[in-house]
Amino acid sequence: AELSTLLNDDGEVMPDAVQAAAEALLAKRPGLANANRPWGEV
């Protein structure tokens, strides 16, 4: 991932873009997942 693609025009980090990039990476490499990853609403 390139830092510039994860920032908005003001230079602020976009959490949605970071999450999308992380999910795309996990789709290719599931072994990189956080073992303590929150489950969400159960």
PDB file of all heavy atoms in Angstrom:
ATOM      1  N   ALA A   1       0.843  -1.202   0.000  1.00  0.00           N
ATOM      2  CA  ALA A   1       0.000   0.000   0.000  1.00  0.00           C
ATOM      3  C   ALA A   1       0.877   1.250   0.000  1.00  0.00           C
ATOM      4  O   ALA A   1       1.934   1.281   0.625  1.00  0.00           O
ATOM      5  CB  ALA A   1      -0.917   0.008   1.220  1.00  0.00           C
ATOM      6  N   GLU A   2       0.439   2.245  -0.721  1.00  0.00           N
ATOM      7  CA  GLU A   2       1.127   3.531  -0.754  1.00  0.00           C
ATOM      8  C   GLU A   2       0.430   4.471   0.218  1.00  0.00           C
ATOM      9  O   GLU A   2      -0.801   4.550   0.248  1.00  0.00           O
ATOM     10  CB  GLU A   2       1.087   4.127  -2.171  1.00  0.00           C
ATOM     11  CG  GLU A   2       1.905   3.367  -3.185  1.00  0.00           C
ATOM     12  CD  GLU A   2       3.389   3.459  -2.904  1.00  0.00           C
ATOM     13  OE1 GLU A   2       3.857   4.516  -2.427  1.00  0.00           O
ATOM     14  OE2 GLU A   2       4.075   2.454  -3.160  1.00  0.00           O
ATOM     15  N   LEU A   3       1.207   5.192   1.003  1.00  0.00           N
ATOM     16  CA  LEU A   3       0.648   6.112   1.987  1.00  0.00           C
ATOM     17  C   LEU A   3      -0.276   7.126   1.333  1.00  0.00           C
ATOM     18  O   LEU A   3      -1.353   7.423   1.857  1.00  0.00           O
ATOM     19  CB  LEU A   3       1.770   6.816   2.752  1.00  0.00           C
ATOM     20  CG  LEU A   3       1.328   7.802   3.833  1.00  0.00           C
ATOM     21  CD1 LEU A   3       0.542   7.078   4.919  1.00  0.00           C
ATOM     22  CD2 LEU A   3       2.531   8.497   4.429  1.00  0.00           C
ATOM     23  N   SER A   4       0.094   7.628   0.177  1.00  0.00           N
ATOM     24  CA  SER A   4      -0.698   8.666  -0.490  1.00  0.00           C
ATOM     25  C   SER A   4      -2.109   8.192  -0.845  1.00  0.00           C
ATOM     26  O   SER A   4      -3.035   8.993  -0.883  1.00  0.00           O
ATOM     27  CB  SER A   4       0.015   9.154  -1.752  1.00  0.00           C
ATOM     28  OG  SER A   4       0.197   8.086  -2.652  1.00  0.00           O
ATOM     29  N   THR A   5      -2.296   6.887  -1.071  1.00  0.00           N
ATOM     30  CA  THR A   5      -3.630   6.377  -1.400  1.00  0.00           C
ATOM     31  C   THR A   5      -4.515   6.226  -0.171  1.00  0.00           C
ATOM     32  O   THR A   5      -5.716   6.037  -0.301  1.00  0.00           O
ATOM     33  CB  THR A   5      -3.548   5.016  -2.122  1.00  0.00           C
ATOM     34  OG1 THR A   5      -2.962   4.055  -1.229  1.00  0.00           O
ATOM     35  CG2 THR A   5      -2.743   5.118  -3.400  1.00  0.00           C
ATOM     36  N   LEU A   6      -3.909   6.311   1.013  1.00  0.00           N
ATOM     37  CA  LEU A   6      -4.652   6.148   2.260  1.00  0.00           C
ATOM     38  C   LEU A   6      -4.935   7.483   2.944  1.00  0.00           C
ATOM     39  O   LEU A   6      -5.450   7.509   4.053  1.00  0.00           O
ATOM     40  CB  LEU A   6      -3.880   5.223   3.204  1.00  0.00           C
ATOM     41  CG  LEU A   6      -3.539   3.844   2.639  1.00  0.00           C
ATOM     42  CD1 LEU A   6      -2.625   3.085   3.592  1.00  0.00           C
ATOM     43  CD2 LEU A   6      -4.789   3.059   2.341  1.00  0.00           C
ATOM     44  N   LEU A   7      -4.571   8.580   2.265  1.00  0.00           N
ATOM     45  CA  LEU A   7      -4.772   9.923   2.809  1.00  0.00           C
ATOM     46  C   LEU A   7      -5.790  10.678   1.976  1.00  0.00           C
ATOM     47  O   LEU A   7      -5.869  10.484   0.762  1.00  0.00           O
ATOM     48  CB  LEU A   7      -3.460  10.709   2.803  1.00  0.00           C
ATOM     49  CG  LEU A   7      -2.274  10.097   3.541  1.00  0.00           C
ATOM     50  CD1 LEU A   7      -1.032  10.949   3.322  1.00  0.00           C
ATOM     51  CD2 LEU A   7      -2.574   9.958   5.022  1.00  0.00           C
ATOM     52  N   ASN A   8      -6.534  11.570   2.626  1.00  0.00           N
ATOM     53  CA  ASN A   8      -7.448  12.432   1.870  1.00  0.00           C
ATOM     54  C   ASN A   8      -6.687  13.663   1.368  1.00  0.00           C
ATOM     55  O   ASN A   8      -5.468  13.754   1.549  1.00  0.00           O
ATOM     56  CB  ASN A   8      -8.677  12.814   2.711  1.00  0.00           C
ATOM     57  CG  ASN A   8      -8.336  13.648   3.931  1.00  0.00           C
ATOM     58  OD1 ASN A   8      -7.252  14.217   4.060  1.00  0.00           O
ATOM     59  ND2 ASN A   8      -9.272  13.724   4.856  1.00  0.00           N
ATOM     60  N   ASP A   9      -7.394  14.601   0.764  1.00  0.00           N
ATOM     61  CA  ASP A   9      -6.750  15.780   0.190  1.00  0.00           C
ATOM     62  C   ASP A   9      -6.067  16.657   1.236  1.00  0.00           C
ATOM     63  O   ASP A   9      -5.135  17.394   0.925  1.00  0.00           O
ATOM     64  CB  ASP A   9      -7.768  16.620  -0.594  1.00  0.00           C
ATOM     65  CG  ASP A   9      -8.270  15.886  -1.823  1.00  0.00           C
ATOM     66  OD1 ASP A   9      -7.550  14.998  -2.319  1.00  0.00           O
ATOM     67  OD2 ASP A   9      -9.378  16.213  -2.291  1.00  0.00           O
ATOM     68  N   ASP A  10      -6.532  16.585   2.484  1.00  0.00           N
ATOM     69  CA  ASP A  10      -5.950  17.386   3.561  1.00  0.00           C
ATOM     70  C   ASP A  10      -4.791  16.680   4.253  1.00  0.00           C
ATOM     71  O   ASP A  10      -4.222  17.200   5.211  1.00  0.00           O
ATOM     72  CB  ASP A  10      -7.027  17.734   4.606  1.00  0.00           C
ATOM     73  CG  ASP A  10      -8.109  18.631   4.033  1.00  0.00           C
ATOM     74  OD1 ASP A  10      -7.806  19.419   3.113  1.00  0.00           O
ATOM     75  OD2 ASP A  10      -9.265  18.537   4.497  1.00  0.00           O
ATOM     76  N   GLY A  11      -4.460  15.467   3.807  1.00  0.00           N
ATOM     77  CA  GLY A  11      -3.366  14.715   4.409  1.00  0.00           C
ATOM     78  C   GLY A  11      -3.771  13.911   5.625  1.00  0.00           C
ATOM     79  O   GLY A  11      -2.917  13.397   6.343  1.00  0.00           O
ATOM     80  N   GLU A  12      -5.064  13.787   5.872  1.00  0.00           N
ATOM     81  CA  GLU A  12      -5.554  13.004   6.997  1.00  0.00           C
ATOM     82  C   GLU A  12      -5.714  11.543   6.573  1.00  0.00           C
ATOM     83  O   GLU A  12      -6.104  11.259   5.448  1.00  0.00           O
ATOM     84  CB  GLU A  12      -6.912  13.537   7.471  1.00  0.00           C
ATOM     85  CG  GLU A  12      -6.879  14.978   7.934  1.00  0.00           C
ATOM     86  CD  GLU A  12      -6.128  15.161   9.234  1.00  0.00           C
ATOM     87  OE1 GLU A  12      -6.182  14.243  10.084  1.00  0.00           O
ATOM     88  OE2 GLU A  12      -5.472  16.199   9.393  1.00  0.00           O
ATOM     89  N   VAL A  13      -5.439  10.629   7.496  1.00  0.00           N
ATOM     90  CA  VAL A  13      -5.592   9.201   7.222  1.00  0.00           C
ATOM     91  C   VAL A  13      -7.080   8.877   7.117  1.00  0.00           C
ATOM     92  O   VAL A  13      -7.871   9.314   7.948  1.00  0.00           O
ATOM     93  CB  VAL A  13      -4.929   8.358   8.329  1.00  0.00           C
ATOM     94  CG1 VAL A  13      -5.204   6.886   8.130  1.00  0.00           C
ATOM     95  CG2 VAL A  13      -3.432   8.628   8.367  1.00  0.00           C
ATOM     96  N   MET A  14      -7.444   8.111   6.079  1.00  0.00           N
ATOM     97  CA  MET A  14      -8.832   7.686   5.883  1.00  0.00           C
ATOM     98  C   MET A  14      -8.984   6.263   6.429  1.00  0.00           C
ATOM     99  O   MET A  14      -8.505   5.300   5.802  1.00  0.00           O
ATOM    100  CB  MET A  14      -9.199   7.727   4.399  1.00  0.00           C
ATOM    101  CG  MET A  14      -9.158   9.111   3.786  1.00  0.00           C
ATOM    102  SD  MET A  14      -9.700   9.162   2.059  1.00  0.00           S
ATOM    103  CE  MET A  14      -8.511   8.095   1.261  1.00  0.00           C
ATOM    104  N   PRO A  15      -9.641   6.102   7.596  1.00  0.00           N
ATOM    105  CA  PRO A  15      -9.773   4.766   8.193  1.00  0.00           C
ATOM    106  C   PRO A  15     -10.458   3.758   7.276  1.00  0.00           C
ATOM    107  O   PRO A  15     -10.086   2.582   7.274  1.00  0.00           O
ATOM    108  CB  PRO A  15     -10.613   5.021   9.451  1.00  0.00           C
ATOM    109  CG  PRO A  15     -10.395   6.458   9.769  1.00  0.00           C
ATOM    110  CD  PRO A  15     -10.200   7.142   8.451  1.00  0.00           C
ATOM    111  N   ASP A  16     -11.436   4.206   6.495  1.00  0.00           N
ATOM    112  CA  ASP A  16     -12.128   3.276   5.584  1.00  0.00           C
ATOM    113  C   ASP A  16     -11.179   2.731   4.522  1.00  0.00           C
ATOM    114  O   ASP A  16     -11.231   1.554   4.173  1.00  0.00           O
ATOM    115  CB  ASP A  16     -13.317   3.961   4.921  1.00  0.00           C
ATOM    116  CG  ASP A  16     -14.409   4.330   5.921  1.00  0.00           C
ATOM    117  OD1 ASP A  16     -14.439   3.725   7.013  1.00  0.00           O
ATOM    118  OD2 ASP A  16     -15.216   5.222   5.607  1.00  0.00           O
ATOM    119  N   ALA A  17     -10.305   3.597   4.003  1.00  0.00           N
ATOM    120  CA  ALA A  17      -9.342   3.162   2.990  1.00  0.00           C
ATOM    121  C   ALA A  17      -8.323   2.196   3.597  1.00  0.00           C
ATOM    122  O   ALA A  17      -7.931   1.217   2.952  1.00  0.00           O
ATOM    123  CB  ALA A  17      -8.629   4.369   2.385  1.00  0.00           C
ATOM    124  N   VAL A  18      -7.911   2.459   4.831  1.00  0.00           N
ATOM    125  CA  VAL A  18      -6.972   1.563   5.510  1.00  0.00           C
ATOM    126  C   VAL A  18      -7.621   0.196   5.722  1.00  0.00           C
ATOM    127  O   VAL A  18      -7.013  -0.841   5.455  1.00  0.00           O
ATOM    128  CB  VAL A  18      -6.514   2.163   6.858  1.00  0.00           C
ATOM    129  CG1 VAL A  18      -5.669   1.164   7.636  1.00  0.00           C
ATOM    130  CG2 VAL A  18      -5.740   3.452   6.632  1.00  0.00           C
ATOM    131  N   GLN A  19      -8.870   0.201   6.185  1.00  0.00           N
ATOM    132  CA  GLN A  19      -9.583  -1.057   6.422  1.00  0.00           C
ATOM    133  C   GLN A  19      -9.756  -1.835   5.119  1.00  0.00           C
ATOM    134  O   GLN A  19      -9.577  -3.045   5.080  1.00  0.00           O
ATOM    135  CB  GLN A  19     -10.946  -0.792   7.069  1.00  0.00           C
ATOM    136  CG  GLN A  19     -11.678  -2.034   7.493  1.00  0.00           C
ATOM    137  CD  GLN A  19     -10.929  -2.827   8.558  1.00  0.00           C
ATOM    138  OE1 GLN A  19     -10.211  -2.267   9.374  1.00  0.00           O
ATOM    139  NE2 GLN A  19     -11.088  -4.133   8.533  1.00  0.00           N
ATOM    140  N   ALA A  20     -10.091  -1.126   4.040  1.00  0.00           N
ATOM    141  CA  ALA A  20     -10.262  -1.792   2.740  1.00  0.00           C
ATOM    142  C   ALA A  20      -8.940  -2.408   2.272  1.00  0.00           C
ATOM    143  O   ALA A  20      -8.919  -3.538   1.763  1.00  0.00           O
ATOM    144  CB  ALA A  20     -10.796  -0.802   1.714  1.00  0.00           C
ATOM    145  N   ALA A  21      -7.840  -1.677   2.459  1.00  0.00           N
ATOM    146  CA  ALA A  21      -6.533  -2.206   2.051  1.00  0.00           C
ATOM    147  C   ALA A  21      -6.148  -3.415   2.905  1.00  0.00           C
ATOM    148  O   ALA A  21      -5.598  -4.401   2.399  1.00  0.00           O
ATOM    149  CB  ALA A  21      -5.471  -1.112   2.165  1.00  0.00           C
ATOM    150  N   ALA A  22      -6.459  -3.355   4.200  1.00  0.00           N
ATOM    151  CA  ALA A  22      -6.153  -4.488   5.079  1.00  0.00           C
ATOM    152  C   ALA A  22      -6.994  -5.706   4.703  1.00  0.00           C
ATOM    153  O   ALA A  22      -6.479  -6.836   4.662  1.00  0.00           O
ATOM    154  CB  ALA A  22      -6.398  -4.104   6.540  1.00  0.00           C
ATOM    155  N   GLU A  23      -8.260  -5.492   4.415  1.00  0.00           N
ATOM    156  CA  GLU A  23      -9.127  -6.605   4.020  1.00  0.00           C
ATOM    157  C   GLU A  23      -8.687  -7.202   2.683  1.00  0.00           C
ATOM    158  O   GLU A  23      -8.752  -8.419   2.488  1.00  0.00           O
ATOM    159  CB  GLU A  23     -10.592  -6.162   3.961  1.00  0.00           C
ATOM    160  CG  GLU A  23     -11.181  -5.778   5.311  1.00  0.00           C
ATOM    161  CD  GLU A  23     -11.181  -6.912   6.320  1.00  0.00           C
ATOM    162  OE1 GLU A  23     -11.350  -8.084   5.929  1.00  0.00           O
ATOM    163  OE2 GLU A  23     -11.014  -6.612   7.522  1.00  0.00           O
ATOM    164  N   ALA A  24      -8.241  -6.353   1.755  1.00  0.00           N
ATOM    165  CA  ALA A  24      -7.741  -6.851   0.466  1.00  0.00           C
ATOM    166  C   ALA A  24      -6.496  -7.706   0.673  1.00  0.00           C
ATOM    167  O   ALA A  24      -6.332  -8.747   0.026  1.00  0.00           O
ATOM    168  CB  ALA A  24      -7.447  -5.686  -0.468  1.00  0.00           C
ATOM    169  N   LEU A  25      -5.628  -7.275   1.587  1.00  0.00           N
ATOM    170  CA  LEU A  25      -4.427  -8.056   1.883  1.00  0.00           C
ATOM    171  C   LEU A  25      -4.804  -9.384   2.538  1.00  0.00           C
ATOM    172  O   LEU A  25      -4.250 -10.431   2.201  1.00  0.00           O
ATOM    173  CB  LEU A  25      -3.485  -7.259   2.787  1.00  0.00           C
ATOM    174  CG  LEU A  25      -2.207  -7.957   3.226  1.00  0.00           C
ATOM    175  CD1 LEU A  25      -1.379  -8.417   2.026  1.00  0.00           C
ATOM    176  CD2 LEU A  25      -1.398  -7.047   4.128  1.00  0.00           C
ATOM    177  N   LEU A  26      -5.777  -9.351   3.455  1.00  0.00           N
ATOM    178  CA  LEU A  26      -6.202 -10.587   4.120  1.00  0.00           C
ATOM    179  C   LEU A  26      -6.885 -11.555   3.156  1.00  0.00           C
ATOM    180  O   LEU A  26      -6.827 -12.774   3.360  1.00  0.00           O
ATOM    181  CB  LEU A  26      -7.139 -10.270   5.290  1.00  0.00           C
ATOM    182  CG  LEU A  26      -6.452  -9.671   6.514  1.00  0.00           C
ATOM    183  CD1 LEU A  26      -7.480  -9.279   7.561  1.00  0.00           C
ATOM    184  CD2 LEU A  26      -5.442 -10.649   7.092  1.00  0.00           C
ATOM    185  N   ALA A  27      -7.514 -11.022   2.114  1.00  0.00           N
ATOM    186  CA  ALA A  27      -8.130 -11.899   1.115  1.00  0.00           C
ATOM    187  C   ALA A  27      -7.053 -12.709   0.389  1.00  0.00           C
ATOM    188  O   ALA A  27      -7.268 -13.877   0.045  1.00  0.00           O
ATOM    189  CB  ALA A  27      -8.939 -11.079   0.115  1.00  0.00           C
ATOM    190  N   LYS A  28      -5.873 -12.100   0.185  1.00  0.00           N
ATOM    191  CA  LYS A  28      -4.773 -12.789  -0.475  1.00  0.00           C
ATOM    192  C   LYS A  28      -3.952 -13.624   0.498  1.00  0.00           C
ATOM    193  O   LYS A  28      -3.461 -14.690   0.144  1.00  0.00           O
ATOM    194  CB  LYS A  28      -3.838 -11.765  -1.139  1.00  0.00           C
ATOM    195  CG  LYS A  28      -4.419 -11.025  -2.300  1.00  0.00           C
ATOM    196  CD  LYS A  28      -3.355 -10.101  -2.885  1.00  0.00           C
ATOM    197  CE  LYS A  28      -3.954  -8.788  -3.297  1.00  0.00           C
ATOM    198  NZ  LYS A  28      -2.958  -7.814  -3.702  1.00  0.00           N
ATOM    199  N   ARG A  29      -3.771 -13.103   1.713  1.00  0.00           N
ATOM    200  CA  ARG A  29      -2.896 -13.742   2.700  1.00  0.00           C
ATOM    201  C   ARG A  29      -3.615 -13.845   4.045  1.00  0.00           C
ATOM    202  O   ARG A  29      -3.347 -13.072   4.963  1.00  0.00           O
ATOM    203  CB  ARG A  29      -1.620 -12.919   2.878  1.00  0.00           C
ATOM    204  CG  ARG A  29      -0.824 -12.596   1.629  1.00  0.00           C
ATOM    205  CD  ARG A  29       0.155 -13.662   1.204  1.00  0.00           C
ATOM    206  NE  ARG A  29       1.121 -14.059   2.172  1.00  0.00           N
ATOM    207  CZ  ARG A  29       2.336 -13.549   2.284  1.00  0.00           C
ATOM    208  NH1 ARG A  29       2.736 -12.592   1.489  1.00  0.00           N
ATOM    209  NH2 ARG A  29       3.159 -14.005   3.204  1.00  0.00           N
ATOM    210  N   PRO A  30      -4.543 -14.788   4.215  1.00  0.00           N
ATOM    211  CA  PRO A  30      -5.318 -14.886   5.454  1.00  0.00           C
ATOM    212  C   PRO A  30      -4.474 -15.175   6.691  1.00  0.00           C
ATOM    213  O   PRO A  30      -4.887 -14.883   7.804  1.00  0.00           O
ATOM    214  CB  PRO A  30      -6.307 -16.015   5.189  1.00  0.00           C
ATOM    215  CG  PRO A  30      -5.904 -16.652   3.922  1.00  0.00           C
ATOM    216  CD  PRO A  30      -4.939 -15.772   3.225  1.00  0.00           C
ATOM    217  N   GLY A  31      -3.298 -15.706   6.505  1.00  0.00           N
ATOM    218  CA  GLY A  31      -2.424 -16.005   7.641  1.00  0.00           C
ATOM    219  C   GLY A  31      -1.893 -14.763   8.331  1.00  0.00           C
ATOM    220  O   GLY A  31      -1.322 -14.851   9.415  1.00  0.00           O
ATOM    221  N   LEU A  32      -2.071 -13.607   7.731  1.00  0.00           N
ATOM    222  CA  LEU A  32      -1.599 -12.362   8.331  1.00  0.00           C
ATOM    223  C   LEU A  32      -2.612 -11.758   9.296  1.00  0.00           C
ATOM    224  O   LEU A  32      -2.369 -10.715   9.894  1.00  0.00           O
ATOM    225  CB  LEU A  32      -1.284 -11.330   7.231  1.00  0.00           C
ATOM    226  CG  LEU A  32      -0.182 -11.701   6.246  1.00  0.00           C
ATOM    227  CD1 LEU A  32      -0.080 -10.651   5.160  1.00  0.00           C
ATOM    228  CD2 LEU A  32       1.136 -11.871   6.952  1.00  0.00           C
ATOM    229  N   ALA A  33      -3.748 -12.433   9.468  1.00  0.00           N
ATOM    230  CA  ALA A  33      -4.831 -11.886  10.299  1.00  0.00           C
ATOM    231  C   ALA A  33      -4.423 -11.815  11.763  1.00  0.00           C
ATOM    232  O   ALA A  33      -3.637 -12.627  12.264  1.00  0.00           O
ATOM    233  CB  ALA A  33      -6.088 -12.741  10.160  1.00  0.00           C
ATOM    234  N   ASN A  34      -4.971 -10.838  12.434  1.00  0.00           N
ATOM    235  CA  ASN A  34      -4.781 -10.659  13.859  1.00  0.00           C
ATOM    236  C   ASN A  34      -5.575 -11.744  14.579  1.00  0.00           C
ATOM    237  O   ASN A  34      -6.781 -11.860  14.404  1.00  0.00           O
ATOM    238  CB  ASN A  34      -5.273  -9.270  14.268  1.00  0.00           C
ATOM    239  CG  ASN A  34      -5.016  -8.947  15.711  1.00  0.00           C
ATOM    240  OD1 ASN A  34      -4.629  -9.792  16.498  1.00  0.00           O
ATOM    241  ND2 ASN A  34      -5.233  -7.695  16.067  1.00  0.00           N
ATOM    242  N   ALA A  35      -4.896 -12.545  15.401  1.00  0.00           N
ATOM    243  CA  ALA A  35      -5.575 -13.629  16.121  1.00  0.00           C
ATOM    244  C   ALA A  35      -6.567 -13.078  17.137  1.00  0.00           C
ATOM    245  O   ALA A  35      -7.535 -13.740  17.478  1.00  0.00           O
ATOM    246  CB  ALA A  35      -4.544 -14.503  16.820  1.00  0.00           C
ATOM    247  N   ASN A  36      -6.341 -11.872  17.616  1.00  0.00           N
ATOM    248  CA  ASN A  36      -7.221 -11.244  18.602  1.00  0.00           C
ATOM    249  C   ASN A  36      -8.196 -10.282  17.941  1.00  0.00           C
ATOM    250  O   ASN A  36      -8.670  -9.346  18.566  1.00  0.00           O
ATOM    251  CB  ASN A  36      -6.400 -10.497  19.649  1.00  0.00           C
ATOM    252  CG  ASN A  36      -5.498 -11.427  20.415  1.00  0.00           C
ATOM    253  OD1 ASN A  36      -5.894 -12.535  20.748  1.00  0.00           O
ATOM    254  ND2 ASN A  36      -4.286 -10.995  20.668  1.00  0.00           N
ATOM    255  N   ARG A  37      -8.461 -10.512  16.694  1.00  0.00           N
ATOM    256  CA  ARG A  37      -9.343  -9.636  15.929  1.00  0.00           C
ATOM    257  C   ARG A  37     -10.738  -9.627  16.548  1.00  0.00           C
ATOM    258  O   ARG A  37     -11.292 -10.687  16.858  1.00  0.00           O
ATOM    259  CB  ARG A  37      -9.408 -10.145  14.498  1.00  0.00           C
ATOM    260  CG  ARG A  37     -10.120  -9.264  13.559  1.00  0.00           C
ATOM    261  CD  ARG A  37     -10.010  -9.848  12.168  1.00  0.00           C
ATOM    262  NE  ARG A  37     -10.690  -8.979  11.233  1.00  0.00           N
ATOM    263  CZ  ARG A  37     -10.767  -9.218   9.967  1.00  0.00           C
ATOM    264  NH1 ARG A  37     -10.223 -10.289   9.458  1.00  0.00           N
ATOM    265  NH2 ARG A  37     -11.388  -8.385   9.176  1.00  0.00           N
ATOM    266  N   PRO A  38     -11.324  -8.457  16.750  1.00  0.00           N
ATOM    267  CA  PRO A  38     -12.665  -8.407  17.323  1.00  0.00           C
ATOM    268  C   PRO A  38     -13.682  -9.079  16.412  1.00  0.00           C
ATOM    269  O   PRO A  38     -13.584  -9.025  15.198  1.00  0.00           O
ATOM    270  CB  PRO A  38     -12.956  -6.911  17.449  1.00  0.00           C
ATOM    271  CG  PRO A  38     -11.812  -6.192  16.876  1.00  0.00           C
ATOM    272  CD  PRO A  38     -10.777  -7.166  16.456  1.00  0.00           C
ATOM    273  N   TRP A  39     -14.642  -9.723  17.004  1.00  0.00           N
ATOM    274  CA  TRP A  39     -15.655 -10.458  16.252  1.00  0.00           C
ATOM    275  C   TRP A  39     -16.744  -9.573  15.720  1.00  0.00           C
ATOM    276  O   TRP A  39     -17.483  -9.944  14.837  1.00  0.00           O
ATOM    277  CB  TRP A  39     -16.292 -11.513  17.124  1.00  0.00           C
ATOM    278  CG  TRP A  39     -15.391 -12.648  17.455  1.00  0.00           C
ATOM    279  CD1 TRP A  39     -14.073 -12.760  17.183  1.00  0.00           C
ATOM    280  CD2 TRP A  39     -15.764 -13.827  18.121  1.00  0.00           C
ATOM    281  NE1 TRP A  39     -13.582 -13.938  17.639  1.00  0.00           N
ATOM    282  CE2 TRP A  39     -14.618 -14.617  18.235  1.00  0.00           C
ATOM    283  CE3 TRP A  39     -16.935 -14.297  18.646  1.00  0.00           C
ATOM    284  CZ2 TRP A  39     -14.617 -15.852  18.840  1.00  0.00           C
ATOM    285  CZ3 TRP A  39     -16.935 -15.531  19.257  1.00  0.00           C
ATOM    286  CH2 TRP A  39     -15.786 -16.301  19.338  1.00  0.00           C
ATOM    287  N   GLY A  40     -16.927  -8.429  16.310  1.00  0.00           N
ATOM    288  CA  GLY A  40     -18.053  -7.596  15.925  1.00  0.00           C
ATOM    289  C   GLY A  40     -19.254  -7.964  16.779  1.00  0.00           C
ATOM    290  O   GLY A  40     -19.127  -8.532  17.858  1.00  0.00           O
ATOM    291  N   GLU A  41     -20.430  -7.700  16.321  1.00  0.00           N
ATOM    292  CA  GLU A  41     -21.657  -7.963  17.073  1.00  0.00           C
ATOM    293  C   GLU A  41     -22.014  -9.436  16.980  1.00  0.00           C
ATOM    294  O   GLU A  41     -22.239  -9.961  15.899  1.00  0.00           O
ATOM    295  CB  GLU A  41     -22.806  -7.120  16.520  1.00  0.00           C
ATOM    296  CG  GLU A  41     -24.106  -7.267  17.269  1.00  0.00           C
ATOM    297  CD  GLU A  41     -23.983  -6.896  18.739  1.00  0.00           C
ATOM    298  OE1 GLU A  41     -23.467  -5.824  19.053  1.00  0.00           O
ATOM    299  OE2 GLU A  41     -24.396  -7.722  19.570  1.00  0.00           O
ATOM    300  N   VAL A  42     -22.031 -10.093  18.130  1.00  0.00           N
ATOM    301  CA  VAL A  42     -22.403 -11.506  18.162  1.00  0.00           C
ATOM    302  C   VAL A  42     -23.732 -11.719  18.869  1.00  0.00           C
ATOM    303  O   VAL A  42     -24.168 -12.845  19.048  1.00  0.00           O
ATOM    304  CB  VAL A  42     -21.300 -12.371  18.826  1.00  0.00           C
ATOM    305  CG1 VAL A  42     -20.057 -12.388  17.967  1.00  0.00           C
ATOM    306  CG2 VAL A  42     -20.990 -11.877  20.222  1.00  0.00           C
TER     307      VAL A  42
END
